[in-house]
């Protein structure tokens, strides 16, 4: 049986990254990002990537993997992350999974989604058709073809439609039935903060993103020729900047629009993590300073790591 792996999860802006960085003062860790937006290159401000100083302080894996026009699936993430985790362990260090993308965490902790075979020509033709559908039509088709579709951006909706039409079965069926073994044995830490505190943090982050050049960053990516609905641009925070750059909102509304969208997204994350994590979950109040929270995580990990597992009994 594989050794347990700490997995730090929680809604966006709860403070996961700050706690993980502080945890490096207690344990020899490397961070495995579980953030579906941070895989995209050159979208640093819009996806709240760690700073260069933070990256120099603690090695990170899972950042800057693909171009903004590419899709990156949860199954691909699980395969890649399993490799990073193995490499970290060979160096005698502790991999710590950190992020808020529940599907990435599930793929890594519960088993790899094995994509059914898809006919390449039909897939290319379907992708070309889907690229021209308005977002509202994509969501409507996804819900019609997959009863288990719970919403999301263009990429998730297109994925649900693609699997349903090309295989004759909904994506949920394949996710339940077509799995390989789990890549890790997770030890979950779920970070929470009171709702007013989270909303304050979200508002502050949104304002800082605009001040740090979010709009200019997104404009540069669009200038490379990527369409406004490219997978890397279809995310909370970046989507609002795209709307401004295409004349659909005034610039002074961007930060507030990001904060509003992020609050809705955080609520969905909170619901997901409350109900979807399988196994033992330790909840921690992250409203304290990151150093205090990290110390609590390190102490709990030490106690957990010393305790005999059921496999040893």
C-alpha atoms as a PDB file:
ATOM      1  CA  UNK A   1       0.000   0.000   0.000  1.00  0.00           C
ATOM      2  CA  UNK A   2       1.266   3.474  -0.864  1.00  0.00           C
ATOM      3  CA  UNK A   3       2.188   5.811   2.007  1.00  0.00           C
ATOM      4  CA  UNK A   4      -0.386   8.463   2.909  1.00  0.00           C
ATOM      5  CA  UNK A   5      -0.206  11.856   1.214  1.00  0.00           C
ATOM      6  CA  UNK A   6      -1.385  15.108   2.811  1.00  0.00           C
ATOM      7  CA  UNK A   7      -4.071  16.804   0.701  1.00  0.00           C
ATOM      8  CA  UNK A   8      -4.884  20.405   1.658  1.00  0.00           C
ATOM      9  CA  UNK A   9      -8.205  21.552   0.207  1.00  0.00           C
ATOM     10  CA  UNK A  10     -10.772  24.306   0.604  1.00  0.00           C
ATOM     11  CA  UNK A  11     -12.476  27.112  -1.295  1.00  0.00           C
ATOM     12  CA  UNK A  12     -10.580  29.700  -3.265  1.00  0.00           C
ATOM     13  CA  UNK A  13      -8.988  32.495  -1.187  1.00  0.00           C
ATOM     14  CA  UNK A  14      -9.243  30.475   2.035  1.00  0.00           C
ATOM     15  CA  UNK A  15      -5.449  30.595   2.393  1.00  0.00           C
ATOM     16  CA  UNK A  16      -4.285  27.164   1.212  1.00  0.00           C
ATOM     17  CA  UNK A  17      -1.123  28.407  -0.503  1.00  0.00           C
ATOM     18  CA  UNK A  18       0.005  30.528   2.439  1.00  0.00           C
ATOM     19  CA  UNK A  19      -0.449  27.614   4.830  1.00  0.00           C
ATOM     20  CA  UNK A  20       1.372  25.217   2.513  1.00  0.00           C
ATOM     21  CA  UNK A  21       4.330  27.579   2.236  1.00  0.00           C
ATOM     22  CA  UNK A  22       4.437  27.951   6.013  1.00  0.00           C
ATOM     23  CA  UNK A  23       4.265  24.167   6.346  1.00  0.00           C
ATOM     24  CA  UNK A  24       7.673  24.002   4.646  1.00  0.00           C
ATOM     25  CA  UNK A  25       9.152  25.412   7.867  1.00  0.00           C
ATOM     26  CA  UNK A  26       8.081  22.217   9.635  1.00  0.00           C
ATOM     27  CA  UNK A  27       8.368  19.472   7.011  1.00  0.00           C
ATOM     28  CA  UNK A  28      10.568  18.806   3.930  1.00  0.00           C
ATOM     29  CA  UNK A  29       7.731  19.226   1.440  1.00  0.00           C
ATOM     30  CA  UNK A  30       7.183  19.798  -2.248  1.00  0.00           C
ATOM     31  CA  UNK A  31       3.795  21.103  -3.374  1.00  0.00           C
ATOM     32  CA  UNK A  32       1.660  19.305  -5.952  1.00  0.00           C
ATOM     33  CA  UNK A  33      -0.827  21.868  -7.253  1.00  0.00           C
ATOM     34  CA  UNK A  34      -4.425  20.694  -7.710  1.00  0.00           C
ATOM     35  CA  UNK A  35      -5.669  23.862  -9.419  1.00  0.00           C
ATOM     36  CA  UNK A  36      -7.189  23.516 -12.886  1.00  0.00           C
ATOM     37  CA  UNK A  37      -6.474  27.151 -13.778  1.00  0.00           C
ATOM     38  CA  UNK A  38      -2.818  27.276 -12.806  1.00  0.00           C
ATOM     39  CA  UNK A  39      -1.916  24.714 -15.473  1.00  0.00           C
ATOM     40  CA  UNK A  40      -2.127  27.478 -18.095  1.00  0.00           C
ATOM     41  CA  UNK A  41       0.993  29.378 -19.069  1.00  0.00           C
ATOM     42  CA  UNK A  42       1.297  33.179 -18.904  1.00  0.00           C
ATOM     43  CA  UNK A  43      -1.887  33.582 -16.859  1.00  0.00           C
ATOM     44  CA  UNK A  44      -0.099  34.161 -13.569  1.00  0.00           C
ATOM     45  CA  UNK A  45      -2.086  37.031 -12.065  1.00  0.00           C
ATOM     46  CA  UNK A  46      -5.442  35.727 -13.209  1.00  0.00           C
ATOM     47  CA  UNK A  47      -4.890  32.292 -11.674  1.00  0.00           C
ATOM     48  CA  UNK A  48      -3.195  33.519  -8.464  1.00  0.00           C
ATOM     49  CA  UNK A  49      -0.037  31.500  -9.024  1.00  0.00           C
ATOM     50  CA  UNK A  50       2.659  31.566  -6.347  1.00  0.00           C
ATOM     51  CA  UNK A  51       5.258  34.304  -6.755  1.00  0.00           C
ATOM     52  CA  UNK A  52       8.788  33.635  -7.978  1.00  0.00           C
ATOM     53  CA  UNK A  53       9.964  34.060  -4.413  1.00  0.00           C
ATOM     54  CA  UNK A  54       7.515  31.411  -3.210  1.00  0.00           C
ATOM     55  CA  UNK A  55       8.532  29.043  -6.009  1.00  0.00           C
ATOM     56  CA  UNK A  56      12.173  29.452  -5.036  1.00  0.00           C
ATOM     57  CA  UNK A  57      11.282  28.781  -1.419  1.00  0.00           C
ATOM     58  CA  UNK A  58       9.274  25.577  -1.992  1.00  0.00           C
ATOM     59  CA  UNK A  59       9.331  23.432  -5.166  1.00  0.00           C
ATOM     60  CA  UNK A  60       5.959  23.308  -6.941  1.00  0.00           C
ATOM     61  CA  UNK A  61       4.610  20.871  -9.522  1.00  0.00           C
ATOM     62  CA  UNK A  62       1.561  21.285 -11.768  1.00  0.00           C
ATOM     63  CA  UNK A  63       2.033  24.887 -12.889  1.00  0.00           C
ATOM     64  CA  UNK A  64       2.422  26.216 -16.463  1.00  0.00           C
ATOM     65  CA  UNK A  65       1.793  22.901 -18.186  1.00  0.00           C
ATOM     66  CA  UNK A  66      -0.199  23.834 -21.310  1.00  0.00           C
ATOM     67  CA  UNK A  67      -1.014  26.728 -23.609  1.00  0.00           C
ATOM     68  CA  UNK A  68      -4.242  28.702 -22.990  1.00  0.00           C
ATOM     69  CA  UNK A  69      -5.827  27.112 -26.050  1.00  0.00           C
ATOM     70  CA  UNK A  70      -5.314  23.527 -24.868  1.00  0.00           C
ATOM     71  CA  UNK A  71      -7.589  21.372 -22.733  1.00  0.00           C
ATOM     72  CA  UNK A  72      -6.185  19.606 -19.684  1.00  0.00           C
ATOM     73  CA  UNK A  73      -8.374  16.912 -18.190  1.00  0.00           C
ATOM     74  CA  UNK A  74      -8.639  15.541 -14.671  1.00  0.00           C
ATOM     75  CA  UNK A  75      -7.479  12.172 -15.971  1.00  0.00           C
ATOM     76  CA  UNK A  76      -4.353  13.700 -17.460  1.00  0.00           C
ATOM     77  CA  UNK A  77      -3.757  15.539 -14.201  1.00  0.00           C
ATOM     78  CA  UNK A  78      -3.970  12.309 -12.202  1.00  0.00           C
ATOM     79  CA  UNK A  79      -1.406  10.626 -14.435  1.00  0.00           C
ATOM     80  CA  UNK A  80       0.966  13.587 -14.280  1.00  0.00           C
ATOM     81  CA  UNK A  81       0.529  14.150 -10.544  1.00  0.00           C
ATOM     82  CA  UNK A  82       1.186  10.486  -9.772  1.00  0.00           C
ATOM     83  CA  UNK A  83       4.518  10.877 -11.551  1.00  0.00           C
ATOM     84  CA  UNK A  84       5.434  14.043  -9.665  1.00  0.00           C
ATOM     85  CA  UNK A  85       4.528  12.434  -6.342  1.00  0.00           C
ATOM     86  CA  UNK A  86       6.724   9.434  -7.096  1.00  0.00           C
ATOM     87  CA  UNK A  87       9.645  11.686  -8.014  1.00  0.00           C
ATOM     88  CA  UNK A  88       9.247  13.716  -4.820  1.00  0.00           C
ATOM     89  CA  UNK A  89       9.292  10.556  -2.705  1.00  0.00           C
ATOM     90  CA  UNK A  90      12.474   9.311  -4.406  1.00  0.00           C
ATOM     91  CA  UNK A  91      14.155  12.492  -3.192  1.00  0.00           C
ATOM     92  CA  UNK A  92      13.167  11.654   0.370  1.00  0.00           C
ATOM     93  CA  UNK A  93      10.723  14.529   0.575  1.00  0.00           C
ATOM     94  CA  UNK A  94       6.997  14.699   1.349  1.00  0.00           C
ATOM     95  CA  UNK A  95       4.571  15.518  -1.492  1.00  0.00           C
ATOM     96  CA  UNK A  96       1.683  17.711  -0.363  1.00  0.00           C
ATOM     97  CA  UNK A  97      -1.296  18.122  -2.688  1.00  0.00           C
ATOM     98  CA  UNK A  98      -2.730  21.643  -2.462  1.00  0.00           C
ATOM     99  CA  UNK A  99      -5.701  23.002  -4.376  1.00  0.00           C
ATOM    100  CA  UNK A 100      -9.378  23.628  -4.787  1.00  0.00           C
ATOM    101  CA  UNK A 101     -10.238  21.696  -7.954  1.00  0.00           C
ATOM    102  CA  UNK A 102     -12.317  18.841  -6.606  1.00  0.00           C
ATOM    103  CA  UNK A 103     -12.256  16.785  -9.809  1.00  0.00           C
ATOM    104  CA  UNK A 104      -8.449  16.791  -9.791  1.00  0.00           C
ATOM    105  CA  UNK A 105      -8.395  15.660  -6.171  1.00  0.00           C
ATOM    106  CA  UNK A 106     -10.953  12.931  -6.848  1.00  0.00           C
ATOM    107  CA  UNK A 107      -9.092  11.625  -9.918  1.00  0.00           C
ATOM    108  CA  UNK A 108      -5.867  11.421  -7.922  1.00  0.00           C
ATOM    109  CA  UNK A 109      -7.305   9.991  -4.706  1.00  0.00           C
ATOM    110  CA  UNK A 110     -10.054   7.675  -5.958  1.00  0.00           C
ATOM    111  CA  UNK A 111      -8.740   6.336  -9.219  1.00  0.00           C
ATOM    112  CA  UNK A 112      -7.929   7.373 -12.725  1.00  0.00           C
ATOM    113  CA  UNK A 113     -10.722   8.005 -15.203  1.00  0.00           C
ATOM    114  CA  UNK A 114      -9.877   5.880 -18.233  1.00  0.00           C
ATOM    115  CA  UNK A 115     -11.253   7.713 -21.239  1.00  0.00           C
ATOM    116  CA  UNK A 116     -13.187   5.456 -23.603  1.00  0.00           C
ATOM    117  CA  UNK A 117     -11.838   5.276 -27.158  1.00  0.00           C
ATOM    118  CA  UNK A 118     -13.035   8.191 -29.283  1.00  0.00           C
ATOM    119  CA  UNK A 119     -12.896   8.249 -33.080  1.00  0.00           C
ATOM    120  CA  UNK A 120     -10.377  11.048 -33.893  1.00  0.00           C
ATOM    121  CA  UNK A 121     -12.073  12.434 -37.058  1.00  0.00           C
ATOM    122  CA  UNK A 122     -15.497  12.518 -35.396  1.00  0.00           C
ATOM    123  CA  UNK A 123     -13.980  14.129 -32.310  1.00  0.00           C
ATOM    124  CA  UNK A 124     -12.303  16.879 -34.348  1.00  0.00           C
ATOM    125  CA  UNK A 125     -15.501  17.584 -36.257  1.00  0.00           C
ATOM    126  CA  UNK A 126     -17.550  17.707 -33.060  1.00  0.00           C
ATOM    127  CA  UNK A 127     -15.020  19.988 -31.330  1.00  0.00           C
ATOM    128  CA  UNK A 128     -15.157  22.375 -34.294  1.00  0.00           C
ATOM    129  CA  UNK A 129     -18.971  22.505 -34.056  1.00  0.00           C
ATOM    130  CA  UNK A 130     -18.961  22.983 -30.299  1.00  0.00           C
ATOM    131  CA  UNK A 131     -16.450  25.832 -30.533  1.00  0.00           C
ATOM    132  CA  UNK A 132     -19.068  27.929 -32.369  1.00  0.00           C
ATOM    133  CA  UNK A 133     -21.944  27.278 -29.969  1.00  0.00           C
ATOM    134  CA  UNK A 134     -22.830  30.036 -27.477  1.00  0.00           C
ATOM    135  CA  UNK A 135     -22.095  29.158 -23.858  1.00  0.00           C
ATOM    136  CA  UNK A 136     -25.808  28.977 -22.984  1.00  0.00           C
ATOM    137  CA  UNK A 137     -26.410  26.415 -25.745  1.00  0.00           C
ATOM    138  CA  UNK A 138     -23.430  24.356 -24.606  1.00  0.00           C
ATOM    139  CA  UNK A 139     -24.771  24.199 -21.063  1.00  0.00           C
ATOM    140  CA  UNK A 140     -28.259  23.288 -22.283  1.00  0.00           C
ATOM    141  CA  UNK A 141     -26.947  20.437 -24.450  1.00  0.00           C
ATOM    142  CA  UNK A 142     -24.691  19.170 -21.656  1.00  0.00           C
ATOM    143  CA  UNK A 143     -27.621  18.986 -19.225  1.00  0.00           C
ATOM    144  CA  UNK A 144     -29.810  17.283 -21.819  1.00  0.00           C
ATOM    145  CA  UNK A 145     -27.197  14.636 -22.653  1.00  0.00           C
ATOM    146  CA  UNK A 146     -25.890  14.046 -19.132  1.00  0.00           C
ATOM    147  CA  UNK A 147     -28.279  13.994 -16.168  1.00  0.00           C
ATOM    148  CA  UNK A 148     -25.286  14.191 -13.840  1.00  0.00           C
ATOM    149  CA  UNK A 149     -23.885  17.388 -15.327  1.00  0.00           C
ATOM    150  CA  UNK A 150     -23.724  19.944 -12.514  1.00  0.00           C
ATOM    151  CA  UNK A 151     -22.594  22.979 -14.464  1.00  0.00           C
ATOM    152  CA  UNK A 152     -19.316  24.738 -15.117  1.00  0.00           C
ATOM    153  CA  UNK A 153     -17.590  26.554 -17.949  1.00  0.00           C
ATOM    154  CA  UNK A 154     -17.396  25.850 -21.660  1.00  0.00           C
ATOM    155  CA  UNK A 155     -14.647  23.267 -21.271  1.00  0.00           C
ATOM    156  CA  UNK A 156     -16.602  21.102 -18.848  1.00  0.00           C
ATOM    157  CA  UNK A 157     -19.810  21.375 -20.862  1.00  0.00           C
ATOM    158  CA  UNK A 158     -18.042  20.523 -24.121  1.00  0.00           C
ATOM    159  CA  UNK A 159     -16.440  17.526 -22.441  1.00  0.00           C
ATOM    160  CA  UNK A 160     -19.811  16.190 -21.267  1.00  0.00           C
ATOM    161  CA  UNK A 161     -21.321  16.607 -24.753  1.00  0.00           C
ATOM    162  CA  UNK A 162     -18.315  15.026 -26.465  1.00  0.00           C
ATOM    163  CA  UNK A 163     -18.321  11.906 -24.305  1.00  0.00           C
ATOM    164  CA  UNK A 164     -22.098  11.456 -24.511  1.00  0.00           C
ATOM    165  CA  UNK A 165     -22.339  11.818 -28.286  1.00  0.00           C
ATOM    166  CA  UNK A 166     -19.226   9.845 -29.211  1.00  0.00           C
ATOM    167  CA  UNK A 167     -19.725   6.929 -26.802  1.00  0.00           C
ATOM    168  CA  UNK A 168     -23.473   6.762 -26.308  1.00  0.00           C
ATOM    169  CA  UNK A 169     -23.084   7.001 -22.518  1.00  0.00           C
ATOM    170  CA  UNK A 170     -22.863   9.958 -20.172  1.00  0.00           C
ATOM    171  CA  UNK A 171     -19.556  11.073 -18.686  1.00  0.00           C
ATOM    172  CA  UNK A 172     -20.793  10.103 -15.212  1.00  0.00           C
ATOM    173  CA  UNK A 173     -21.104   6.491 -16.336  1.00  0.00           C
ATOM    174  CA  UNK A 174     -17.483   6.362 -17.479  1.00  0.00           C
ATOM    175  CA  UNK A 175     -16.272   8.104 -14.350  1.00  0.00           C
ATOM    176  CA  UNK A 176     -17.992   5.444 -12.236  1.00  0.00           C
ATOM    177  CA  UNK A 177     -17.156   2.404 -14.317  1.00  0.00           C
ATOM    178  CA  UNK A 178     -13.863   3.082 -16.087  1.00  0.00           C
ATOM    179  CA  UNK A 179     -11.324   3.649 -13.330  1.00  0.00           C
ATOM    180  CA  UNK A 180      -7.863   2.358 -12.591  1.00  0.00           C
ATOM    181  CA  UNK A 181      -6.392   2.222  -9.091  1.00  0.00           C
ATOM    182  CA  UNK A 182      -6.020   5.336  -6.964  1.00  0.00           C
ATOM    183  CA  UNK A 183      -2.645   7.064  -7.224  1.00  0.00           C
ATOM    184  CA  UNK A 184      -2.472   8.154  -3.569  1.00  0.00           C
ATOM    185  CA  UNK A 185      -3.838   7.347  -0.133  1.00  0.00           C
ATOM    186  CA  UNK A 186      -5.107  10.802   0.927  1.00  0.00           C
ATOM    187  CA  UNK A 187      -4.925  12.430   4.345  1.00  0.00           C
ATOM    188  CA  UNK A 188      -7.347  15.325   3.964  1.00  0.00           C
ATOM    189  CA  UNK A 189      -7.152  18.704   5.661  1.00  0.00           C
ATOM    190  CA  UNK A 190     -10.148  20.901   4.817  1.00  0.00           C
ATOM    191  CA  UNK A 191      -9.599  24.609   5.464  1.00  0.00           C
ATOM    192  CA  UNK A 192     -12.595  26.741   6.377  1.00  0.00           C
ATOM    193  CA  UNK A 193     -13.169  30.309   7.484  1.00  0.00           C
ATOM    194  CA  UNK A 194     -16.352  32.155   8.492  1.00  0.00           C
ATOM    195  CA  UNK A 195     -18.267  33.338   5.432  1.00  0.00           C
ATOM    196  CA  UNK A 196     -17.681  37.106   6.085  1.00  0.00           C
ATOM    197  CA  UNK A 197     -13.936  36.501   6.382  1.00  0.00           C
ATOM    198  CA  UNK A 198     -13.869  34.538   3.131  1.00  0.00           C
ATOM    199  CA  UNK A 199     -15.807  37.263   1.328  1.00  0.00           C
ATOM    200  CA  UNK A 200     -13.360  39.893   2.568  1.00  0.00           C
ATOM    201  CA  UNK A 201     -10.438  37.856   1.313  1.00  0.00           C
ATOM    202  CA  UNK A 202     -12.120  37.307  -2.040  1.00  0.00           C
ATOM    203  CA  UNK A 203     -12.798  41.034  -2.475  1.00  0.00           C
ATOM    204  CA  UNK A 204      -9.230  41.930  -1.542  1.00  0.00           C
ATOM    205  CA  UNK A 205      -7.786  39.349  -3.922  1.00  0.00           C
ATOM    206  CA  UNK A 206      -9.977  40.557  -6.798  1.00  0.00           C
ATOM    207  CA  UNK A 207      -8.875  44.152  -6.309  1.00  0.00           C
ATOM    208  CA  UNK A 208      -5.218  43.136  -6.066  1.00  0.00           C
ATOM    209  CA  UNK A 209      -5.465  41.097  -9.279  1.00  0.00           C
ATOM    210  CA  UNK A 210      -6.658  44.126 -11.232  1.00  0.00           C
ATOM    211  CA  UNK A 211      -4.024  46.356  -9.638  1.00  0.00           C
ATOM    212  CA  UNK A 212      -1.275  43.851 -10.498  1.00  0.00           C
ATOM    213  CA  UNK A 213      -2.125  43.874 -14.202  1.00  0.00           C
ATOM    214  CA  UNK A 214      -4.762  41.201 -14.767  1.00  0.00           C
ATOM    215  CA  UNK A 215      -6.358  43.034 -17.682  1.00  0.00           C
ATOM    216  CA  UNK A 216      -3.022  43.594 -19.397  1.00  0.00           C
ATOM    217  CA  UNK A 217      -2.052  39.958 -18.879  1.00  0.00           C
ATOM    218  CA  UNK A 218      -5.270  38.708 -20.479  1.00  0.00           C
ATOM    219  CA  UNK A 219      -4.944  41.223 -23.322  1.00  0.00           C
ATOM    220  CA  UNK A 220      -1.469  39.861 -24.101  1.00  0.00           C
ATOM    221  CA  UNK A 221      -2.790  36.286 -24.277  1.00  0.00           C
ATOM    222  CA  UNK A 222      -5.648  37.336 -26.557  1.00  0.00           C
ATOM    223  CA  UNK A 223      -3.157  39.173 -28.761  1.00  0.00           C
ATOM    224  CA  UNK A 224      -1.372  35.847 -29.346  1.00  0.00           C
ATOM    225  CA  UNK A 225      -4.454  34.739 -31.279  1.00  0.00           C
ATOM    226  CA  UNK A 226      -6.252  32.692 -28.639  1.00  0.00           C
ATOM    227  CA  UNK A 227     -10.063  32.980 -28.884  1.00  0.00           C
ATOM    228  CA  UNK A 228     -11.894  34.573 -25.936  1.00  0.00           C
ATOM    229  CA  UNK A 229     -13.531  31.241 -25.098  1.00  0.00           C
ATOM    230  CA  UNK A 230     -10.257  29.269 -25.093  1.00  0.00           C
ATOM    231  CA  UNK A 231     -10.032  26.789 -22.203  1.00  0.00           C
ATOM    232  CA  UNK A 232      -7.434  28.877 -20.386  1.00  0.00           C
ATOM    233  CA  UNK A 233      -9.552  32.021 -20.620  1.00  0.00           C
ATOM    234  CA  UNK A 234     -12.804  30.431 -19.474  1.00  0.00           C
ATOM    235  CA  UNK A 235     -12.290  30.776 -15.748  1.00  0.00           C
ATOM    236  CA  UNK A 236     -13.415  32.993 -12.894  1.00  0.00           C
ATOM    237  CA  UNK A 237     -11.355  36.177 -12.832  1.00  0.00           C
ATOM    238  CA  UNK A 238     -10.051  35.870 -16.355  1.00  0.00           C
ATOM    239  CA  UNK A 239     -13.516  35.691 -17.909  1.00  0.00           C
ATOM    240  CA  UNK A 240     -14.421  39.104 -16.453  1.00  0.00           C
ATOM    241  CA  UNK A 241     -11.271  40.659 -17.904  1.00  0.00           C
ATOM    242  CA  UNK A 242     -12.153  39.188 -21.305  1.00  0.00           C
ATOM    243  CA  UNK A 243     -15.609  40.763 -21.045  1.00  0.00           C
ATOM    244  CA  UNK A 244     -14.063  44.178 -20.435  1.00  0.00           C
ATOM    245  CA  UNK A 245     -11.601  43.790 -23.309  1.00  0.00           C
ATOM    246  CA  UNK A 246     -14.507  42.956 -25.636  1.00  0.00           C
ATOM    247  CA  UNK A 247     -16.546  45.950 -24.529  1.00  0.00           C
ATOM    248  CA  UNK A 248     -19.094  44.042 -22.462  1.00  0.00           C
ATOM    249  CA  UNK A 249     -18.393  45.759 -19.132  1.00  0.00           C
ATOM    250  CA  UNK A 250     -16.640  48.938 -17.915  1.00  0.00           C
ATOM    251  CA  UNK A 251     -13.153  48.576 -16.503  1.00  0.00           C
ATOM    252  CA  UNK A 252     -14.129  49.895 -13.081  1.00  0.00           C
ATOM    253  CA  UNK A 253     -16.571  46.971 -12.705  1.00  0.00           C
ATOM    254  CA  UNK A 254     -14.005  44.205 -13.291  1.00  0.00           C
ATOM    255  CA  UNK A 255     -12.841  43.737  -9.691  1.00  0.00           C
ATOM    256  CA  UNK A 256     -16.366  43.654  -8.259  1.00  0.00           C
ATOM    257  CA  UNK A 257     -17.511  41.254 -10.989  1.00  0.00           C
ATOM    258  CA  UNK A 258     -14.581  38.944 -10.221  1.00  0.00           C
ATOM    259  CA  UNK A 259     -15.411  39.037  -6.512  1.00  0.00           C
ATOM    260  CA  UNK A 260     -19.076  38.198  -7.178  1.00  0.00           C
ATOM    261  CA  UNK A 261     -18.199  35.289  -9.471  1.00  0.00           C
ATOM    262  CA  UNK A 262     -15.586  34.032  -7.026  1.00  0.00           C
ATOM    263  CA  UNK A 263     -18.062  34.068  -4.135  1.00  0.00           C
ATOM    264  CA  UNK A 264     -20.423  31.870  -6.153  1.00  0.00           C
ATOM    265  CA  UNK A 265     -17.581  29.547  -7.099  1.00  0.00           C
ATOM    266  CA  UNK A 266     -16.406  29.322  -3.478  1.00  0.00           C
ATOM    267  CA  UNK A 267     -19.895  28.268  -2.384  1.00  0.00           C
ATOM    268  CA  UNK A 268     -19.846  25.433  -4.926  1.00  0.00           C
ATOM    269  CA  UNK A 269     -16.407  24.379  -3.714  1.00  0.00           C
ATOM    270  CA  UNK A 270     -17.539  24.375  -0.084  1.00  0.00           C
ATOM    271  CA  UNK A 271     -20.507  22.168  -0.955  1.00  0.00           C
ATOM    272  CA  UNK A 272     -18.336  19.801  -2.980  1.00  0.00           C
ATOM    273  CA  UNK A 273     -15.719  19.354  -0.271  1.00  0.00           C
ATOM    274  CA  UNK A 274     -18.361  18.834   2.425  1.00  0.00           C
ATOM    275  CA  UNK A 275     -19.972  15.958   0.559  1.00  0.00           C
ATOM    276  CA  UNK A 276     -17.453  14.434  -1.852  1.00  0.00           C
ATOM    277  CA  UNK A 277     -14.296  13.725   0.137  1.00  0.00           C
ATOM    278  CA  UNK A 278     -14.127  10.033   0.991  1.00  0.00           C
ATOM    279  CA  UNK A 279     -12.242   9.010   4.102  1.00  0.00           C
ATOM    280  CA  UNK A 280     -11.114  10.842   7.210  1.00  0.00           C
ATOM    281  CA  UNK A 281     -11.175  14.624   6.916  1.00  0.00           C
ATOM    282  CA  UNK A 282      -9.666  17.027   9.432  1.00  0.00           C
ATOM    283  CA  UNK A 283     -11.295  20.481   9.284  1.00  0.00           C
ATOM    284  CA  UNK A 284      -9.217  23.474  10.363  1.00  0.00           C
ATOM    285  CA  UNK A 285     -10.189  27.099  10.832  1.00  0.00           C
ATOM    286  CA  UNK A 286      -7.867  29.027   8.507  1.00  0.00           C
ATOM    287  CA  UNK A 287      -8.820  32.473   9.803  1.00  0.00           C
ATOM    288  CA  UNK A 288      -5.743  32.339  12.067  1.00  0.00           C
ATOM    289  CA  UNK A 289      -2.296  33.388  10.740  1.00  0.00           C
ATOM    290  CA  UNK A 290      -0.917  30.863   8.210  1.00  0.00           C
ATOM    291  CA  UNK A 291       2.014  30.051  10.491  1.00  0.00           C
ATOM    292  CA  UNK A 292      -0.346  28.937  13.279  1.00  0.00           C
ATOM    293  CA  UNK A 293      -2.465  26.854  10.920  1.00  0.00           C
ATOM    294  CA  UNK A 294       0.653  25.261   9.413  1.00  0.00           C
ATOM    295  CA  UNK A 295       1.913  24.355  12.887  1.00  0.00           C
ATOM    296  CA  UNK A 296      -1.416  22.651  13.615  1.00  0.00           C
ATOM    297  CA  UNK A 297      -1.224  20.726  10.329  1.00  0.00           C
ATOM    298  CA  UNK A 298       2.357  19.634  11.058  1.00  0.00           C
ATOM    299  CA  UNK A 299       1.440  18.425  14.552  1.00  0.00           C
ATOM    300  CA  UNK A 300      -1.590  16.515  13.270  1.00  0.00           C
ATOM    301  CA  UNK A 301       0.457  14.969  10.474  1.00  0.00           C
ATOM    302  CA  UNK A 302       3.136  13.832  12.918  1.00  0.00           C
ATOM    303  CA  UNK A 303       0.508  12.116  15.063  1.00  0.00           C
ATOM    304  CA  UNK A 304      -1.177  10.557  12.024  1.00  0.00           C
ATOM    305  CA  UNK A 305       2.093   9.395  10.477  1.00  0.00           C
ATOM    306  CA  UNK A 306       3.144   7.691  13.733  1.00  0.00           C
ATOM    307  CA  UNK A 307      -0.177   5.883  14.179  1.00  0.00           C
ATOM    308  CA  UNK A 308      -0.330   2.318  12.807  1.00  0.00           C
ATOM    309  CA  UNK A 309      -2.468   1.931   9.697  1.00  0.00           C
ATOM    310  CA  UNK A 310      -5.074  -0.787   9.328  1.00  0.00           C
ATOM    311  CA  UNK A 311      -2.697  -2.503   6.893  1.00  0.00           C
ATOM    312  CA  UNK A 312      -0.170  -2.890   9.734  1.00  0.00           C
ATOM    313  CA  UNK A 313      -2.632  -4.407  12.216  1.00  0.00           C
END
